[in-house]
Amino acid sequence: MSAAVRIERKDAVMTLVIDRESRRNALNADVAAGICAGLDAAEADRAVRAVVLTGAGDKAFCAGGDLQPNAQGTPFTIDAADPRHYVAGLIRRMDACRLPLVARVNGHALAGGFGLVSCCDLVVAREDARLGVTEVRVGLFPMMILPPLLRTVPARVLMEMCLTGEPITAKEALADRIVNYAVPADALDAKTDWLVSRIVDKSPTGIRLGKQALAKVRDMSADSALEYAQFMLANMARTKDAREGFAAFAEKRAPQWTAE
C-alpha cells in the first residue's frame, strides 16, 4: 500500500484516506497507486460492502495535480510515447470497482480532485467545500478527467466551469445533483455513515452485478441495452442472494446475504 493513502476499516466499510495534508492531498502517482491498491484490497475482502474515499484534515479532499516545483509524480509530466498515464489507469480502476464507492468530501475538490469525486458513485460533501476545474488558470484544460465529468455534471454547468476556472460550493452543486448531500462540516461524518448504512445491508451480489450492468448499458444503444438487460436479469435471479431475497420477503424476515 502506498504511504500516500491510508486504509481504515470499520465493520463492512473500508475508508481510503488521501494522506498528503501538507500538500492539500494533491494527486500524484503514489496517490493513484494507493487508491487502486485500496480498491483491490476491498474487493478481495468478502466482508467489505462499501468503500469511502476522503482526504486527510479538513481543508482539502484533493486539490488536484501537485503544482509545486518539487512535486513528485505530478500528473503533468506525461511521456507522449507512453499512453499508460496513471490518471487514466486510476479512472479506469474506479470505474471498474464492484463495490459502492462513496466520496466523503471533507474540503475543496479541485481539478483532478473533482475528477476523483466524479468517479465515485455517491457524494457527501461539506456544504462550504469548493468543487471545480481550475486548469484554465494555468493554461490547461481538464483533459484526463473529462469522461467522468461528462457523466456527472450538466453540460452547461461543466462548460462554464471549464471556461472560467471558477469553482462552486457543494451547497450550490447540490441543486444540479453533482453531489448527493451537502451538509455543515460538523454533520459530515454522521451523514456519510447514514448513507453508507443504507447500502451495506443490501445484497452485495445485486449491487456488484448492477454496477457492472450500469457501466455497460451507459455505452450501449437502447436496443443493445435491452438485450443485455434481459440476460443480466435472468442471471441475477439465479444467484444465492436473489433466492435469499425472495425467501426473506415471503417469510417477512431480514435477508442473510452471502454475496454469492
Protein backbone atom coordinates (compact mmCIF):
# COMPACT_ATOMS: atom_id res chain seq x y z
CA MET A 1 0.00 0.00 0.00
CA SER A 2 1.24 3.49 -0.87
CA ALA A 3 2.16 5.73 2.06
CA ALA A 4 0.14 8.46 0.36
CA VAL A 5 -3.14 6.65 1.04
CA ARG A 6 -4.16 5.36 4.47
CA ILE A 7 -6.63 2.48 4.90
CA GLU A 8 -9.13 2.46 7.73
CA ARG A 9 -11.60 -0.35 8.33
CA LYS A 10 -14.80 -0.29 10.36
CA ASP A 11 -17.17 -3.24 10.12
CA ALA A 12 -18.20 -3.65 6.46
CA VAL A 13 -16.79 -0.29 5.33
CA MET A 14 -13.27 0.37 4.11
CA THR A 15 -12.15 4.02 4.07
CA LEU A 16 -9.31 5.21 1.85
CA VAL A 17 -7.76 8.46 3.11
CA ILE A 18 -5.54 10.52 0.81
CA ASP A 19 -2.84 11.33 3.33
CA ARG A 20 -0.91 14.31 1.95
CA GLU A 21 -2.41 17.05 4.09
CA SER A 22 0.67 19.29 3.79
CA ARG A 23 0.18 19.24 0.00
CA ARG A 24 -3.61 19.68 0.27
CA ASN A 25 -3.90 15.97 -0.59
CA ALA A 26 -2.70 16.69 -4.13
CA LEU A 27 -2.92 13.92 -6.69
CA ASN A 28 0.28 12.19 -7.79
CA ALA A 29 1.38 8.72 -8.88
CA ASP A 30 1.62 7.46 -5.30
CA VAL A 31 -1.92 8.61 -4.51
CA ALA A 32 -3.25 6.93 -7.65
CA ALA A 33 -1.40 3.70 -6.81
CA GLY A 34 -2.67 3.83 -3.24
CA ILE A 35 -6.31 4.25 -4.27
CA CYS A 36 -6.02 1.42 -6.79
CA ALA A 37 -4.38 -0.85 -4.20
CA GLY A 38 -7.06 0.04 -1.67
CA LEU A 39 -9.82 -0.86 -4.09
CA ASP A 40 -8.06 -4.17 -4.82
CA ALA A 41 -7.87 -4.91 -1.09
CA ALA A 42 -11.53 -4.01 -0.56
CA GLU A 43 -12.72 -6.24 -3.38
CA ALA A 44 -10.56 -9.12 -2.15
CA ASP A 45 -12.25 -8.98 1.26
CA ARG A 46 -15.70 -10.56 1.02
CA ALA A 47 -16.76 -8.83 4.24
CA VAL A 48 -16.31 -5.33 2.78
CA ARG A 49 -19.56 -3.95 1.36
CA ALA A 50 -18.65 -0.32 0.59
CA VAL A 51 -15.63 1.95 0.15
CA VAL A 52 -15.39 5.57 1.29
CA LEU A 53 -12.82 7.87 -0.31
CA THR A 54 -11.78 11.02 1.58
CA GLY A 55 -8.84 13.29 2.34
CA ALA A 56 -6.81 13.92 5.47
CA GLY A 57 -7.59 17.00 7.52
CA ASP A 58 -10.38 19.48 6.97
CA LYS A 59 -9.01 21.78 4.25
CA ALA A 60 -8.93 19.71 1.09
CA PHE A 61 -10.37 16.47 -0.24
CA CYS A 62 -7.88 16.70 -3.09
CA ALA A 63 -6.58 19.90 -4.64
CA GLY A 64 -5.79 18.27 -7.98
CA GLY A 65 -2.37 17.74 -9.50
CA ASP A 66 0.59 18.95 -7.47
CA LEU A 67 1.86 22.22 -9.00
CA GLN A 68 4.78 22.70 -6.61
CA PRO A 69 8.20 22.89 -8.33
CA ASN A 70 9.49 19.96 -6.27
CA ALA A 71 6.38 17.83 -6.68
CA GLN A 72 6.88 14.09 -7.00
CA GLY A 73 4.84 12.18 -9.57
CA THR A 74 2.89 15.20 -10.80
CA PRO A 75 0.20 14.38 -13.41
CA PHE A 76 1.62 16.98 -15.79
CA THR A 77 4.82 15.15 -16.68
CA ILE A 78 3.49 12.92 -19.42
CA ASP A 79 5.51 10.73 -21.75
CA ALA A 80 3.81 11.25 -25.10
CA ALA A 81 5.16 7.90 -26.28
CA ASP A 82 3.50 6.01 -23.42
CA PRO A 83 -0.32 6.07 -23.33
CA ARG A 84 -0.49 4.36 -19.90
CA HIS A 85 -0.87 7.54 -17.88
CA TYR A 86 -1.57 6.78 -14.23
CA VAL A 87 -4.56 9.15 -14.06
CA ALA A 88 -6.22 7.24 -16.90
CA GLY A 89 -5.46 3.99 -15.08
CA LEU A 90 -6.93 5.34 -11.86
CA ILE A 91 -10.14 6.45 -13.57
CA ARG A 92 -10.49 3.05 -15.22
CA ARG A 93 -9.92 1.31 -11.89
CA MET A 94 -12.51 3.43 -10.09
CA ASP A 95 -15.00 2.86 -12.92
CA ALA A 96 -14.46 -0.89 -12.65
CA CYS A 97 -14.90 -1.01 -8.86
CA ARG A 98 -17.51 -3.63 -8.00
CA LEU A 99 -18.24 -2.11 -4.60
CA PRO A 100 -20.21 1.09 -3.95
CA LEU A 101 -17.74 3.97 -3.84
CA VAL A 102 -18.73 6.98 -1.72
CA ALA A 103 -16.84 10.28 -1.72
CA ARG A 104 -16.65 11.97 1.68
CA VAL A 105 -15.67 15.45 0.57
CA ASN A 106 -14.03 16.93 3.66
CA GLY A 107 -12.72 20.03 1.89
CA HIS A 108 -12.04 21.53 -1.51
CA ALA A 109 -12.05 19.16 -4.50
CA LEU A 110 -10.47 20.93 -7.44
CA ALA A 111 -9.21 19.87 -10.86
CA GLY A 112 -8.15 16.22 -10.56
CA GLY A 113 -9.70 16.14 -7.10
CA PHE A 114 -13.06 16.98 -8.63
CA GLY A 115 -12.36 14.22 -11.13
CA LEU A 116 -11.99 11.75 -8.25
CA VAL A 117 -15.30 12.93 -6.81
CA SER A 118 -16.94 12.44 -10.21
CA CYS A 119 -15.61 8.88 -10.39
CA CYS A 120 -17.41 7.96 -7.16
CA ASP A 121 -20.94 6.55 -7.14
CA LEU A 122 -22.26 8.81 -4.38
CA VAL A 123 -21.05 12.05 -2.81
CA VAL A 124 -21.47 13.55 0.66
CA ALA A 125 -19.77 16.93 0.93
CA ARG A 126 -19.20 19.79 3.32
CA GLU A 127 -21.52 22.50 2.07
CA ASP A 128 -18.68 25.03 2.02
CA ALA A 129 -16.28 22.79 0.06
CA ARG A 130 -15.38 24.22 -3.33
CA LEU A 131 -15.73 21.98 -6.38
CA GLY A 132 -14.45 22.78 -9.82
CA VAL A 133 -11.88 22.57 -12.59
CA THR A 134 -9.29 25.32 -12.38
CA GLU A 135 -6.92 24.13 -15.11
CA VAL A 136 -7.62 27.07 -17.45
CA ARG A 137 -5.97 29.34 -14.87
CA VAL A 138 -2.61 27.71 -15.58
CA GLY A 139 -3.08 27.32 -19.33
CA LEU A 140 -4.52 23.80 -19.29
CA PHE A 141 -7.90 22.10 -19.67
CA PRO A 142 -9.25 19.17 -17.59
CA MET A 143 -8.47 16.64 -20.32
CA MET A 144 -7.89 13.49 -18.30
CA ILE A 145 -11.00 13.85 -16.15
CA LEU A 146 -13.46 14.87 -18.87
CA PRO A 147 -15.05 11.39 -19.16
CA PRO A 148 -16.27 11.20 -15.54
CA LEU A 149 -17.14 14.91 -15.51
CA LEU A 150 -19.36 14.49 -18.56
CA ARG A 151 -21.29 11.75 -16.75
CA THR A 152 -21.91 13.70 -13.56
CA VAL A 153 -22.05 17.43 -14.38
CA PRO A 154 -24.76 19.02 -16.56
CA ALA A 155 -23.32 20.22 -19.88
CA ARG A 156 -23.86 23.95 -19.41
CA VAL A 157 -22.54 23.88 -15.85
CA LEU A 158 -19.46 21.92 -16.91
CA MET A 159 -18.76 24.26 -19.81
CA GLU A 160 -18.91 27.29 -17.53
CA MET A 161 -16.61 25.59 -15.03
CA CYS A 162 -14.09 24.67 -17.72
CA LEU A 163 -14.06 28.06 -19.45
CA THR A 164 -13.99 30.27 -16.36
CA GLY A 165 -12.00 28.11 -13.98
CA GLU A 166 -14.35 29.29 -11.24
CA PRO A 167 -15.40 26.66 -8.64
CA ILE A 168 -18.77 26.38 -6.97
CA THR A 169 -19.59 25.32 -3.44
CA ALA A 170 -21.01 21.90 -2.67
CA LYS A 171 -24.16 23.65 -1.49
CA GLU A 172 -24.52 25.20 -4.96
CA ALA A 173 -23.64 21.88 -6.63
CA LEU A 174 -26.50 20.18 -4.81
CA ALA A 175 -29.04 21.98 -6.99
CA ASP A 176 -27.63 20.23 -10.07
CA ARG A 177 -27.25 16.89 -8.22
CA ILE A 178 -23.49 16.97 -8.72
CA VAL A 179 -23.37 15.85 -5.09
CA ASN A 180 -25.97 13.78 -3.25
CA TYR A 181 -25.77 15.66 0.04
CA ALA A 182 -24.19 18.93 1.17
CA VAL A 183 -24.07 19.35 4.92
CA PRO A 184 -22.36 21.51 7.58
CA ALA A 185 -18.84 20.37 8.46
CA ASP A 186 -19.89 19.00 11.84
CA ALA A 187 -22.52 16.79 10.19
CA LEU A 188 -20.26 15.29 7.51
CA ASP A 189 -19.38 12.07 9.33
CA ALA A 190 -22.92 11.40 10.52
CA LYS A 191 -24.37 11.93 7.04
CA THR A 192 -21.72 9.74 5.42
CA ASP A 193 -22.31 6.97 7.96
CA TRP A 194 -26.07 7.27 7.44
CA LEU A 195 -25.74 6.93 3.68
CA VAL A 196 -23.31 4.02 3.85
CA SER A 197 -25.54 2.22 6.36
CA ARG A 198 -28.32 2.21 3.76
CA ILE A 199 -26.00 0.41 1.33
CA VAL A 200 -24.19 -2.22 3.37
CA ASP A 201 -27.38 -4.03 4.43
CA LYS A 202 -28.43 -4.63 0.81
CA SER A 203 -27.47 -7.54 -1.44
CA PRO A 204 -23.76 -7.29 -2.30
CA THR A 205 -24.31 -9.54 -5.30
CA GLY A 206 -27.15 -7.43 -6.61
CA ILE A 207 -25.06 -4.27 -6.21
CA ARG A 208 -21.96 -5.80 -7.78
CA LEU A 209 -23.78 -7.10 -10.85
CA GLY A 210 -25.91 -3.98 -11.03
CA LYS A 211 -22.87 -1.69 -11.13
CA GLN A 212 -21.38 -3.84 -13.88
CA ALA A 213 -24.60 -3.56 -15.87
CA LEU A 214 -24.85 0.20 -15.39
CA ALA A 215 -21.32 0.69 -16.72
CA LYS A 216 -22.02 -1.37 -19.83
CA VAL A 217 -25.52 -0.07 -20.55
CA ARG A 218 -24.26 3.52 -20.41
CA ASP A 219 -22.30 2.98 -23.63
CA MET A 220 -24.90 0.88 -25.49
CA SER A 221 -27.68 1.72 -27.89
CA ALA A 222 -31.18 1.33 -26.43
CA ASP A 223 -31.77 -1.92 -28.33
CA SER A 224 -28.46 -3.45 -27.25
CA ALA A 225 -29.04 -2.31 -23.67
CA LEU A 226 -32.45 -4.01 -23.51
CA GLU A 227 -30.99 -7.24 -24.88
CA TYR A 228 -28.17 -7.13 -22.33
CA ALA A 229 -30.59 -6.28 -19.51
CA GLN A 230 -32.65 -9.42 -20.18
CA PHE A 231 -29.52 -11.54 -19.98
CA MET A 232 -28.36 -9.90 -16.76
CA LEU A 233 -31.74 -10.10 -15.05
CA ALA A 234 -32.07 -13.82 -15.79
CA ASN A 235 -28.58 -14.47 -14.41
CA MET A 236 -29.10 -12.31 -11.32
CA ALA A 237 -32.28 -14.23 -10.50
CA ARG A 238 -30.21 -17.42 -10.24
CA THR A 239 -27.81 -16.07 -7.59
CA LYS A 240 -27.97 -17.19 -3.98
CA ASP A 241 -28.57 -13.61 -2.86
CA ALA A 242 -31.60 -13.28 -5.13
CA ARG A 243 -33.06 -16.57 -3.90
CA GLU A 244 -32.45 -15.47 -0.31
CA GLY A 245 -34.04 -12.09 -1.01
CA PHE A 246 -37.21 -13.66 -2.36
CA ALA A 247 -37.36 -16.13 0.52
CA ALA A 248 -36.85 -13.41 3.14
CA PHE A 249 -39.58 -11.30 1.56
CA ALA A 250 -42.03 -14.21 1.59
CA GLU A 251 -41.14 -15.12 5.18
CA LYS A 252 -41.21 -11.48 6.36
CA ARG A 253 -37.68 -11.54 7.79
CA ALA A 254 -34.39 -9.78 7.21
CA PRO A 255 -32.29 -11.42 4.46
CA GLN A 256 -28.98 -13.05 5.27
CA TRP A 257 -26.75 -12.15 2.35
CA THR A 258 -23.89 -14.45 1.33
CA ALA A 259 -22.52 -12.30 -1.53
CA GLU A 260 -22.99 -15.24 -3.89
